[in-house]
């Protein structure tokens, strides 16, 4: 069940990435920053949740 949740998160990141590439470098930089923030929070959450 945990894998399914992670897969959904991965698909969301890929989708955001594809949208960003279509809209040029400016929005891509903004979204990339958002993804890095989200990924950091997500990994922190997973560490706390899984341990």
Protein backbone atom coordinates (compact mmCIF):
# COMPACT_ATOMS: atom_id res chain seq x y z
CA UNK A 1 0.00 0.00 0.00
CA UNK A 2 2.91 2.32 0.78
CA UNK A 3 4.36 1.65 -2.69
CA UNK A 4 1.10 2.71 -4.31
CA UNK A 5 1.19 6.03 -2.47
CA UNK A 6 4.80 6.62 -3.56
CA UNK A 7 3.90 5.73 -7.16
CA UNK A 8 1.11 8.31 -7.18
CA UNK A 9 3.57 10.91 -5.89
CA UNK A 10 6.06 9.96 -8.62
CA UNK A 11 3.45 10.29 -11.36
CA UNK A 12 2.50 13.73 -10.04
CA UNK A 13 6.15 14.84 -10.21
CA UNK A 14 6.52 13.55 -13.77
CA UNK A 15 3.32 15.33 -14.82
CA UNK A 16 4.50 18.61 -13.27
CA UNK A 17 7.85 18.18 -15.02
CA UNK A 18 6.21 17.69 -18.42
CA UNK A 19 3.96 20.73 -17.97
CA UNK A 20 6.95 22.80 -16.87
CA UNK A 21 9.02 21.85 -19.94
CA UNK A 22 6.22 22.99 -22.26
CA UNK A 23 6.00 26.40 -20.58
CA UNK A 24 9.66 27.35 -20.85
CA UNK A 25 12.57 27.86 -18.49
CA UNK A 26 11.09 30.54 -16.20
CA UNK A 27 8.18 28.49 -14.88
CA UNK A 28 10.40 25.42 -14.96
CA UNK A 29 12.78 27.05 -12.49
CA UNK A 30 9.90 27.99 -10.19
CA UNK A 31 8.33 24.52 -10.31
CA UNK A 32 11.71 22.81 -9.90
CA UNK A 33 12.18 24.78 -6.68
CA UNK A 34 8.71 23.71 -5.52
CA UNK A 35 9.49 20.06 -6.31
CA UNK A 36 12.75 20.23 -4.35
CA UNK A 37 10.90 21.66 -1.35
CA UNK A 38 8.15 19.02 -1.63
CA UNK A 39 10.62 16.18 -2.13
CA UNK A 40 12.60 17.25 0.93
CA UNK A 41 9.46 17.40 3.08
CA UNK A 42 8.25 14.08 1.64
CA UNK A 43 11.54 12.30 2.36
CA UNK A 44 11.64 13.72 5.88
CA UNK A 45 8.07 12.51 6.42
CA UNK A 46 8.91 9.05 5.06
CA UNK A 47 11.93 8.75 7.37
CA UNK A 48 9.82 9.62 10.40
CA UNK A 49 6.88 7.48 9.26
CA UNK A 50 8.91 4.36 8.37
CA UNK A 51 11.32 4.27 11.29
